[in-house]
Amino acid sequence: MYNLPDDASVDISTLSILFESTTNSYKYLYFLSLLDILQRENFDIGMPITFQEIIVEMLANAWYPHNYFKLSFGTQDHIANKLDSLELEITEPILKFRDTDKKLLRTTISNQNINDIVKSISKYVPYRLIRPFFAQETRGFKDSEVNAAMINLSKNQFDNKKPLYCFNAKEQKNCNAIILNQDWIEYIRKNYVIVRGWASWEWLKYMQQRNPSIPNVVNKLFMPQQRDSLNKQNKYWQTVLTHQEIKCIYSEVQLNKDEISLDHYLPWSFVAHDQLWNLIPTIQSVNSSKSNNLPSEIYFLDFVHLQHLGLNISHQNLSENNWLKYAESFVSDLKIDRADDLLNLEILKNAYEANLKPLITLASNQGFKANWVYI
């Protein structure tokens, strides 16, 4: 899908195979983290980049897909285990996607004891990532011989073979940083969007294989720069409430159209979208209490009835074209044949049962807290 731009100064063909035969997340996160560090420093890297800095960045990049969206990195992957063991007090700006350069998250991780994961990842990943640059030279090597070879080859052929980086010491026991090749820094600077897109695409392919049943993996790998506005969805429900009195299905409080809060019936951190078929109006205290929990089954029929009511009231009071735009996600995501079928309660209920209940089970198995009840 991505063709990396040619450049006579560096070996693009080798870069393109960095992730071949990769069995865990480390190489993807390592390379993506290098890209993040480069961009944050405006591609002006005068000092070696420490293993510690890269691995803090890796953990920060891994936090969103694992802790927030609960994606799996694979059964043998220790990144997820380490994140689970850290005492991370994630603050509001992070959860609301205001920490766009991961500064708060990186600081929080840096304040933890991560020596074990730094040692574990540094033992192999930095050396194995650049092995493709010296595939011929290390063919047939024993596994125990590879790291020392990478240190020597990357240093001795830094200006000739031009690996992505070399190391800051001659022996592995003294290595704690990498020195990026300036030609690669310049190449990445000129082609950052494409290189980032390529690496992200490779990361997505890996994560989709590890999470085959999870919806919308593509939108769960990286923190959005900001959450999408719910203005359109608010306008829809305000239209409904203008013509019909409605009670919150959780609290049974009468709703005021000017004070509603929209609830993701399936948590946003599971579905990673704001489609109308998963949104209903509530009071603010309910939305705050429910958070990322899965609602109890006792609310399911009330949820379906409310969606059916909303579709019928909006159908009666909106133009046909406007209504069809609102109905589009219901039809496509609930796999309903025609938009008019949404007005039939039995068809709508069957569609929700067929599509929503398996997702609730999947989310529960994935670690989202189930059977939430408003008290």
Protein backbone atom coordinates (compact mmCIF):
# COMPACT_ATOMS: atom_id res chain seq x y z
CA MET A 1 0.00 0.00 0.00
CA TYR A 2 2.89 2.37 0.76
CA ASN A 3 5.86 2.88 -1.59
CA LEU A 4 8.74 4.59 0.16
CA PRO A 5 10.31 7.36 -1.94
CA ASP A 6 13.66 6.52 -3.54
CA ASP A 7 16.78 8.35 -2.42
CA ALA A 8 20.33 7.73 -3.62
CA SER A 9 21.84 8.61 -0.24
CA VAL A 10 20.22 5.78 1.78
CA ASP A 11 19.14 2.16 1.32
CA ILE A 12 15.36 2.33 0.93
CA SER A 13 14.99 -1.34 -0.02
CA THR A 14 16.41 -2.37 3.34
CA LEU A 15 14.22 0.07 5.26
CA SER A 16 11.17 -1.44 3.56
CA ILE A 17 11.90 -4.91 5.03
CA LEU A 18 12.63 -3.86 8.63
CA PHE A 19 9.46 -5.54 9.91
CA GLU A 20 9.68 -8.82 7.99
CA SER A 21 9.21 -11.93 10.17
CA THR A 22 8.33 -9.81 13.21
CA THR A 23 6.55 -11.78 15.95
CA ASN A 24 5.98 -9.12 18.61
CA SER A 25 5.25 -5.42 18.91
CA TYR A 26 8.71 -4.21 19.85
CA LYS A 27 10.19 -3.33 16.45
CA TYR A 28 7.06 -1.47 15.36
CA LEU A 29 6.86 0.54 18.57
CA TYR A 30 10.62 1.16 18.56
CA PHE A 31 10.63 2.58 15.04
CA LEU A 32 7.44 4.60 15.53
CA SER A 33 8.89 6.01 18.75
CA LEU A 34 12.05 7.07 16.93
CA LEU A 35 9.86 8.90 14.43
CA ASP A 36 8.01 10.65 17.26
CA ILE A 37 11.24 11.73 18.92
CA LEU A 38 12.63 13.02 15.63
CA GLN A 39 9.52 15.02 14.87
CA ARG A 40 9.33 16.45 18.38
CA GLU A 41 12.96 17.61 18.09
CA ASN A 42 12.31 19.07 14.63
CA PHE A 43 14.78 16.56 13.18
CA ASP A 44 17.64 18.30 14.94
CA ILE A 45 19.27 15.47 16.88
CA GLY A 46 22.76 16.39 18.02
CA MET A 47 23.09 13.91 20.87
CA PRO A 48 22.66 10.13 21.10
CA ILE A 49 19.12 9.01 21.89
CA THR A 50 19.13 6.85 25.01
CA PHE A 51 17.46 3.47 25.20
CA GLN A 52 15.54 4.84 28.20
CA GLU A 53 14.07 7.72 26.19
CA ILE A 54 13.01 5.45 23.34
CA ILE A 55 11.41 2.89 25.65
CA VAL A 56 9.50 5.56 27.58
CA GLU A 57 8.17 6.67 24.20
CA MET A 58 7.32 3.06 23.32
CA LEU A 59 5.34 2.62 26.54
CA ALA A 60 3.52 5.89 25.91
CA ASN A 61 2.65 4.80 22.38
CA ALA A 62 1.51 1.41 23.68
CA TRP A 63 -0.67 2.89 26.43
CA TYR A 64 -3.48 4.06 24.14
CA PRO A 65 -4.13 0.80 22.29
CA HIS A 66 -3.60 -1.39 25.35
CA ASN A 67 -4.86 0.47 28.43
CA TYR A 68 -7.48 2.69 26.86
CA PHE A 69 -8.73 0.47 24.02
CA LYS A 70 -7.67 -2.87 25.58
CA LEU A 71 -6.08 -4.28 22.43
CA SER A 72 -3.80 -7.31 22.63
CA PHE A 73 -0.17 -7.13 21.49
CA GLY A 74 0.18 -10.93 21.49
CA THR A 75 0.54 -13.54 24.19
CA GLN A 76 4.35 -13.35 24.35
CA ASP A 77 4.56 -9.56 24.40
CA HIS A 78 5.92 -8.00 27.61
CA ILE A 79 5.03 -4.38 26.79
CA ALA A 80 1.41 -4.96 27.83
CA ASN A 81 2.46 -6.77 31.02
CA LYS A 82 4.70 -3.88 31.99
CA LEU A 83 1.97 -1.31 31.37
CA ASP A 84 -0.38 -3.33 33.57
CA SER A 85 2.18 -3.33 36.39
CA LEU A 86 2.81 0.42 36.37
CA GLU A 87 0.96 2.73 38.73
CA LEU A 88 -0.15 5.28 36.16
CA GLU A 89 -2.52 7.96 37.36
CA ILE A 90 -3.79 9.07 33.99
CA THR A 91 -5.07 12.63 34.16
CA GLU A 92 -7.93 14.38 32.40
CA PRO A 93 -5.93 16.00 29.57
CA ILE A 94 -4.72 12.55 28.49
CA LEU A 95 -8.14 10.92 28.58
CA LYS A 96 -9.66 13.85 26.72
CA PHE A 97 -6.88 13.77 24.11
CA ARG A 98 -5.40 17.14 25.02
CA ASP A 99 -1.96 15.66 25.69
CA THR A 100 -1.21 15.49 21.97
CA ASP A 101 2.57 15.14 22.25
CA LYS A 102 2.20 12.59 25.11
CA LYS A 103 4.15 14.87 27.46
CA LEU A 104 2.07 14.10 30.57
CA LEU A 105 1.99 10.41 29.74
CA ARG A 106 5.76 10.26 29.15
CA THR A 107 6.41 12.13 32.41
CA THR A 108 4.12 9.78 34.34
CA ILE A 109 5.86 6.72 32.89
CA SER A 110 9.34 8.19 33.50
CA ASN A 111 8.51 8.59 37.19
CA GLN A 112 7.94 4.85 37.51
CA ASN A 113 10.57 2.14 37.93
CA ILE A 114 10.89 0.80 34.39
CA ASN A 115 14.46 -0.53 34.64
CA ASP A 116 13.33 -4.08 33.99
CA ILE A 117 11.50 -3.35 30.74
CA VAL A 118 14.31 -1.02 29.58
CA LYS A 119 16.81 -3.82 30.17
CA SER A 120 14.59 -6.43 28.53
CA ILE A 121 13.87 -4.47 25.34
CA SER A 122 17.40 -3.06 25.07
CA LYS A 123 18.87 -6.55 25.18
CA TYR A 124 17.73 -7.39 21.65
CA VAL A 125 15.45 -4.91 19.88
CA PRO A 126 17.89 -2.08 19.00
CA TYR A 127 20.32 -4.59 17.49
CA ARG A 128 17.82 -6.79 15.66
CA LEU A 129 15.93 -3.85 14.12
CA ILE A 130 18.94 -2.86 11.99
CA ARG A 131 20.10 -6.42 11.20
CA PRO A 132 18.56 -6.25 7.67
CA PHE A 133 21.25 -3.67 6.78
CA PHE A 134 23.83 -6.40 7.37
CA ALA A 135 21.90 -9.49 6.30
CA GLN A 136 24.75 -10.89 4.20
CA GLU A 137 27.43 -10.24 6.80
CA THR A 138 25.47 -12.00 9.57
CA ARG A 139 24.02 -14.89 7.59
CA GLY A 140 24.38 -18.10 9.60
CA PHE A 141 25.39 -16.34 12.81
CA LYS A 142 24.39 -17.87 16.12
CA ASP A 143 21.82 -15.82 18.00
CA SER A 144 24.38 -15.03 20.70
CA GLU A 145 26.72 -13.53 18.11
CA VAL A 146 24.30 -11.10 16.48
CA ASN A 147 24.38 -8.19 18.94
CA ALA A 148 28.16 -7.85 18.98
CA ALA A 149 28.19 -8.04 15.19
CA MET A 150 25.60 -5.27 14.93
CA ILE A 151 27.62 -3.00 17.21
CA ASN A 152 30.79 -3.49 15.17
CA LEU A 153 29.23 -3.45 11.70
CA SER A 154 27.01 -0.43 12.33
CA LYS A 155 30.01 1.53 13.62
CA ASN A 156 32.54 0.43 11.00
CA GLN A 157 30.16 0.86 8.06
CA PHE A 158 28.23 3.85 9.36
CA ASP A 159 29.29 6.03 6.42
CA ASN A 160 29.38 3.21 3.86
CA LYS A 161 26.37 0.90 4.37
CA LYS A 162 24.59 3.68 6.26
CA PRO A 163 22.46 1.75 8.74
CA LEU A 164 19.68 3.68 10.42
CA TYR A 165 21.90 4.15 13.47
CA CYS A 166 24.93 2.87 15.32
CA PHE A 167 25.63 2.55 19.05
CA ASN A 168 27.44 4.70 21.56
CA ALA A 169 29.89 2.04 22.78
CA LYS A 170 32.00 -0.83 21.44
CA GLU A 171 30.62 -3.47 23.81
CA GLN A 172 26.99 -4.25 24.54
CA LYS A 173 27.42 -3.94 28.31
CA ASN A 174 28.30 -0.26 27.80
CA CYS A 175 25.70 0.52 25.13
CA ASN A 176 22.82 2.66 26.36
CA ALA A 177 22.04 4.88 23.36
CA ILE A 178 21.91 5.02 19.57
CA ILE A 179 23.39 7.56 17.17
CA LEU A 180 21.12 8.18 14.21
CA ASN A 181 22.68 8.44 10.75
CA GLN A 182 22.34 12.02 9.54
CA ASP A 183 21.39 10.93 6.02
CA TRP A 184 18.49 8.95 7.44
CA ILE A 185 17.41 11.89 9.58
CA GLU A 186 17.32 14.04 6.45
CA TYR A 187 15.45 11.39 4.46
CA ILE A 188 12.82 11.02 7.18
CA ARG A 189 12.52 14.79 7.52
CA LYS A 190 11.81 15.18 3.79
CA ASN A 191 9.44 12.21 3.65
CA TYR A 192 8.03 12.13 7.18
CA VAL A 193 4.36 11.78 6.28
CA ILE A 194 5.02 8.87 3.91
CA VAL A 195 7.47 7.10 6.23
CA ARG A 196 5.09 7.52 9.16
CA GLY A 197 2.20 6.26 7.04
CA TRP A 198 4.19 3.21 5.97
CA ALA A 199 5.23 2.33 9.53
CA SER A 200 1.67 2.88 10.78
CA TRP A 201 0.31 0.63 8.04
CA GLU A 202 2.74 -2.16 9.03
CA TRP A 203 1.76 -1.67 12.70
CA LEU A 204 -1.93 -1.86 11.78
CA LYS A 205 -1.45 -5.13 9.88
CA TYR A 206 0.32 -6.64 12.88
CA MET A 207 -2.35 -5.48 15.35
CA GLN A 208 -5.25 -6.61 13.18
CA GLN A 209 -3.75 -10.11 13.17
CA ARG A 210 -3.56 -10.04 16.97
CA ASN A 211 -7.10 -8.65 17.37
CA PRO A 212 -9.11 -10.28 14.57
CA SER A 213 -12.53 -9.84 16.18
CA ILE A 214 -12.07 -6.32 17.54
CA PRO A 215 -13.99 -3.56 15.71
CA ASN A 216 -12.27 -0.49 14.28
CA VAL A 217 -8.67 -1.40 15.17
CA VAL A 218 -7.43 1.24 12.73
CA ASN A 219 -8.78 4.02 14.98
CA LYS A 220 -7.39 2.53 18.19
CA LEU A 221 -3.66 2.50 17.54
CA PHE A 222 -2.89 6.19 17.97
CA MET A 223 -4.33 8.91 20.14
CA PRO A 224 -6.61 11.21 18.11
CA GLN A 225 -5.41 14.79 18.02
CA GLN A 226 -8.86 15.65 19.35
CA ARG A 227 -12.21 13.95 19.75
CA ASP A 228 -14.70 14.66 16.99
CA SER A 229 -17.48 17.10 17.77
CA LEU A 230 -20.90 15.68 18.63
CA ASN A 231 -22.75 18.73 17.30
CA LYS A 232 -24.53 16.78 14.59
CA GLN A 233 -25.62 14.04 16.98
CA ASN A 234 -26.73 16.60 19.58
CA LYS A 235 -28.80 18.39 16.96
CA TYR A 236 -30.53 15.13 16.03
CA TRP A 237 -31.58 14.35 19.61
CA GLN A 238 -32.54 17.96 20.32
CA THR A 239 -34.87 17.76 17.32
CA VAL A 240 -36.42 14.60 18.76
CA LEU A 241 -36.79 16.14 22.22
CA THR A 242 -38.43 19.25 20.74
CA HIS A 243 -41.31 17.08 19.56
CA GLN A 244 -41.38 14.32 22.17
CA GLU A 245 -40.88 14.13 25.94
CA ILE A 246 -38.28 11.52 26.80
CA LYS A 247 -36.91 10.11 30.04
CA CYS A 248 -33.33 8.98 30.52
CA ILE A 249 -33.32 5.17 30.30
CA TYR A 250 -30.87 4.90 33.20
CA SER A 251 -32.10 7.48 35.71
CA GLU A 252 -35.73 7.85 34.51
CA VAL A 253 -35.27 11.62 34.82
CA GLN A 254 -37.16 13.78 32.30
CA LEU A 255 -34.66 15.13 29.78
CA ASN A 256 -34.23 18.80 28.90
CA LYS A 257 -33.16 19.19 25.27
CA ASP A 258 -30.80 22.04 26.19
CA GLU A 259 -29.01 20.08 28.93
CA ILE A 260 -28.57 16.59 27.51
CA SER A 261 -25.34 14.61 27.57
CA LEU A 262 -24.85 11.98 24.87
CA ASP A 263 -23.99 8.49 26.10
CA HIS A 264 -22.11 5.89 24.07
CA TYR A 265 -24.12 2.77 24.90
CA LEU A 266 -21.07 0.70 23.95
CA PRO A 267 -18.10 2.68 25.36
CA TRP A 268 -16.28 4.93 22.93
CA SER A 269 -13.02 3.30 24.00
CA PHE A 270 -14.38 0.02 22.60
CA VAL A 271 -16.04 1.17 19.37
CA ALA A 272 -13.84 4.26 18.73
CA HIS A 273 -16.57 6.08 16.83
CA ASP A 274 -19.52 8.43 17.41
CA GLN A 275 -22.12 6.77 15.19
CA LEU A 276 -25.68 7.71 16.03
CA TRP A 277 -26.89 4.12 16.40
CA ASN A 278 -24.77 3.86 19.57
CA LEU A 279 -25.68 7.26 21.08
CA ILE A 280 -28.61 8.19 23.31
CA PRO A 281 -29.37 11.26 25.44
CA THR A 282 -28.83 11.09 29.20
CA ILE A 283 -28.26 13.45 32.10
CA GLN A 284 -24.65 14.45 32.84
CA SER A 285 -24.39 12.54 36.11
CA VAL A 286 -25.32 9.31 34.34
CA ASN A 287 -22.72 9.80 31.63
CA SER A 288 -20.02 10.50 34.19
CA SER A 289 -21.00 7.49 36.28
CA LYS A 290 -21.19 5.09 33.35
CA SER A 291 -17.78 6.09 31.98
CA ASN A 292 -16.26 3.16 30.02
CA ASN A 293 -18.48 0.48 31.55
CA LEU A 294 -20.87 -1.80 29.71
CA PRO A 295 -24.52 -1.29 30.67
CA SER A 296 -26.55 -4.04 32.28
CA GLU A 297 -28.84 -6.03 30.01
CA ILE A 298 -31.80 -4.57 31.91
CA TYR A 299 -31.36 -1.41 29.80
CA PHE A 300 -31.18 -3.12 26.42
CA LEU A 301 -34.85 -3.04 25.44
CA ASP A 302 -35.25 0.52 26.70
CA PHE A 303 -32.23 1.48 24.59
CA VAL A 304 -33.77 -0.10 21.48
CA HIS A 305 -37.16 1.51 22.15
CA LEU A 306 -35.51 4.91 22.57
CA GLN A 307 -33.60 4.53 19.31
CA HIS A 308 -36.82 3.46 17.57
CA LEU A 309 -38.66 6.45 19.01
CA GLY A 310 -35.89 8.80 17.91
CA LEU A 311 -35.91 7.43 14.37
CA ASN A 312 -39.68 7.77 14.05
CA ILE A 313 -39.92 11.27 15.53
CA SER A 314 -37.03 12.52 13.41
CA HIS A 315 -38.57 10.89 10.32
CA GLN A 316 -41.77 12.81 10.94
CA ASN A 317 -40.09 16.16 11.47
CA LEU A 318 -37.05 16.25 9.16
CA SER A 319 -36.79 16.40 5.41
CA GLU A 320 -36.35 13.04 3.71
CA ASN A 321 -32.76 13.82 2.71
CA ASN A 322 -31.75 14.95 6.19
CA TRP A 323 -33.36 11.94 7.81
CA LEU A 324 -31.62 9.56 5.42
CA LYS A 325 -28.25 11.10 6.34
CA TYR A 326 -28.94 10.43 10.03
CA ALA A 327 -30.19 6.92 9.23
CA GLU A 328 -27.16 5.96 7.16
CA SER A 329 -25.04 4.55 10.00
CA PHE A 330 -28.01 2.55 11.36
CA VAL A 331 -28.52 0.89 7.99
CA SER A 332 -24.88 0.10 7.29
CA ASP A 333 -23.67 -0.90 10.77
CA LEU A 334 -26.79 -2.77 11.87
CA LYS A 335 -26.98 -4.49 8.46
CA ILE A 336 -30.57 -3.46 7.73
CA ASP A 337 -31.81 -3.73 4.15
CA ARG A 338 -33.68 -0.43 3.80
CA ALA A 339 -33.82 2.80 5.76
CA ASP A 340 -37.60 2.51 6.13
CA ASP A 341 -37.10 -0.77 8.00
CA LEU A 342 -35.63 1.27 10.86
CA LEU A 343 -39.16 2.45 11.62
CA ASN A 344 -40.25 -1.12 12.34
CA LEU A 345 -39.58 -1.89 16.01
CA GLU A 346 -39.31 -5.65 15.51
CA ILE A 347 -36.79 -5.34 12.67
CA LEU A 348 -34.76 -2.80 14.63
CA LYS A 349 -34.77 -4.93 17.79
CA ASN A 350 -33.64 -8.02 15.89
CA ALA A 351 -30.86 -6.03 14.23
CA TYR A 352 -29.60 -4.71 17.56
CA GLU A 353 -29.74 -8.16 19.13
CA ALA A 354 -27.80 -9.66 16.23
CA ASN A 355 -25.13 -6.96 16.16
CA LEU A 356 -24.90 -5.37 19.60
CA LYS A 357 -25.06 -8.35 21.94
CA PRO A 358 -22.02 -10.13 20.41
CA LEU A 359 -20.08 -6.86 20.71
CA ILE A 360 -21.04 -6.57 24.39
CA THR A 361 -19.78 -10.11 25.01
CA LEU A 362 -16.59 -9.37 23.12
CA ALA A 363 -16.00 -6.13 25.04
CA SER A 364 -16.59 -7.93 28.34
CA ASN A 365 -14.09 -10.65 27.37
CA GLN A 366 -11.64 -7.95 26.37
CA GLY A 367 -11.72 -6.47 29.88
CA PHE A 368 -14.42 -3.79 29.87
CA LYS A 369 -16.42 -3.87 33.10
CA ALA A 370 -19.89 -5.32 32.46
CA ASN A 371 -23.34 -5.06 34.08
CA TRP A 372 -23.13 -1.40 35.02
CA VAL A 373 -26.28 -0.08 36.74
CA TYR A 374 -27.00 3.53 37.60
CA ILE A 375 -27.57 3.99 41.31
